[in-house]
Amino acid sequence: MPVHLAIDYGTKRIGLAIAHIGLAEPLMILDNSPQLFTQLQQVIANEQPDQIIVGISERQMAELTRKFAYELAAYTQVPIVFADETLSSRTVREKL
């Protein structure tokens, strides 16, 4: 079964989750610091994901997230895809 690394990009912190069997589980939180890409390379080497999924919202945060993903692509050969997170928190609250 494929392994997916999910990334929730933030200007201060980056959340990581890993899915080995289909359901993603929290992995860790990294500070958005100069060491970020080195740390992400270590996570990718350890977890060996088949795909990296980067959550993307809207407006300025979407632009920052895309920039981050393009920078990350320079550090890995793992395919990177985007997942639309627009209104995801609202949808979860409505379902609860």
Protein backbone atom coordinates (compact mmCIF):
# COMPACT_ATOMS: atom_id res chain seq x y z
CA MET A 1 0.00 0.00 0.00
CA PRO A 2 1.37 3.47 -0.85
CA VAL A 3 2.67 5.75 1.87
CA HIS A 4 1.54 9.39 1.86
CA LEU A 5 3.14 12.28 3.72
CA ALA A 6 0.66 15.09 4.33
CA ILE A 7 1.91 18.61 5.00
CA ASP A 8 -0.10 21.43 6.53
CA TYR A 9 2.02 24.51 5.82
CA GLY A 10 1.97 27.47 8.18
CA THR A 11 4.07 30.60 8.47
CA LYS A 12 5.18 29.62 12.01
CA ARG A 13 4.73 25.84 12.14
CA ILE A 14 4.31 22.98 9.67
CA GLY A 15 2.18 19.99 10.59
CA LEU A 16 3.08 16.56 9.23
CA ALA A 17 0.91 13.47 9.05
CA ILE A 18 1.69 10.04 7.59
CA ALA A 19 -0.66 7.51 6.04
CA HIS A 20 0.61 3.94 5.80
CA ILE A 21 -2.75 2.21 5.53
CA GLY A 22 -4.98 4.94 4.15
CA LEU A 23 -5.86 6.94 7.26
CA ALA A 24 -3.41 9.72 8.07
CA GLU A 25 -2.05 9.94 11.60
CA PRO A 26 -0.23 12.94 13.09
CA LEU A 27 3.52 12.58 12.76
CA MET A 28 5.10 15.80 14.08
CA ILE A 29 5.13 19.56 14.02
CA LEU A 30 8.15 21.43 12.72
CA ASP A 31 9.02 25.07 13.20
CA ASN A 32 9.11 27.08 10.00
CA SER A 33 12.80 27.85 10.34
CA PRO A 34 15.94 27.89 8.17
CA GLN A 35 16.40 24.18 9.02
CA LEU A 36 12.94 23.23 7.70
CA PHE A 37 13.99 21.68 4.40
CA THR A 38 16.82 19.74 6.01
CA GLN A 39 14.36 18.37 8.58
CA LEU A 40 11.86 17.51 5.85
CA GLN A 41 14.56 15.66 3.93
CA GLN A 42 15.20 13.55 7.05
CA VAL A 43 11.49 12.81 7.47
CA ILE A 44 11.21 11.83 3.80
CA ALA A 45 14.27 9.56 4.10
CA ASN A 46 12.85 7.89 7.22
CA GLU A 47 9.23 7.51 6.08
CA GLN A 48 9.90 6.92 2.36
CA PRO A 49 6.56 8.28 1.12
CA ASP A 50 5.34 7.52 -2.39
CA GLN A 51 3.64 10.90 -2.54
CA ILE A 52 3.62 14.20 -0.64
CA ILE A 53 0.26 15.90 -0.23
CA VAL A 54 0.32 19.60 0.58
CA GLY A 55 -2.92 21.15 1.83
CA ILE A 56 -3.75 24.42 0.15
CA SER A 57 -6.31 26.99 1.25
CA GLU A 58 -6.99 30.29 -0.44
CA ARG A 59 -5.71 33.82 -1.07
CA GLN A 60 -2.33 34.86 0.34
CA MET A 61 -1.87 31.61 2.30
CA ALA A 62 -2.37 29.63 -0.90
CA GLU A 63 0.38 31.63 -2.59
CA LEU A 64 2.77 31.06 0.32
CA THR A 65 1.93 27.35 0.36
CA ARG A 66 2.57 26.98 -3.37
CA LYS A 67 5.92 28.74 -2.99
CA PHE A 68 6.82 26.35 -0.14
CA ALA A 69 5.85 23.30 -2.24
CA TYR A 70 7.92 24.46 -5.20
CA GLU A 71 10.91 24.98 -2.90
CA LEU A 72 10.36 21.53 -1.38
CA ALA A 73 10.39 19.99 -4.87
CA ALA A 74 14.04 21.02 -5.18
CA TYR A 75 14.88 18.81 -2.18
CA THR A 76 13.07 15.61 -3.16
CA GLN A 77 12.12 13.42 -6.10
CA VAL A 78 8.87 12.37 -4.39
CA PRO A 79 5.84 13.65 -6.34
CA ILE A 80 4.06 16.57 -4.67
CA VAL A 81 0.33 17.15 -5.13
CA PHE A 82 -2.04 19.72 -3.66
CA ALA A 83 -5.22 18.98 -1.69
CA ASP A 84 -7.87 21.70 -1.54
CA GLU A 85 -8.52 22.64 2.09
CA THR A 86 -10.83 25.55 1.35
CA LEU A 87 -13.60 25.50 3.96
CA SER A 88 -12.41 22.13 5.34
CA SER A 89 -12.67 23.29 8.98
CA ARG A 90 -16.18 24.59 8.36
CA THR A 91 -17.24 21.32 6.75
CA VAL A 92 -15.93 19.31 9.70
CA ARG A 93 -17.77 21.55 12.19
CA GLU A 94 -21.00 21.13 10.23
CA LYS A 95 -20.64 17.34 10.21
CA LEU A 96 -20.00 17.27 13.96
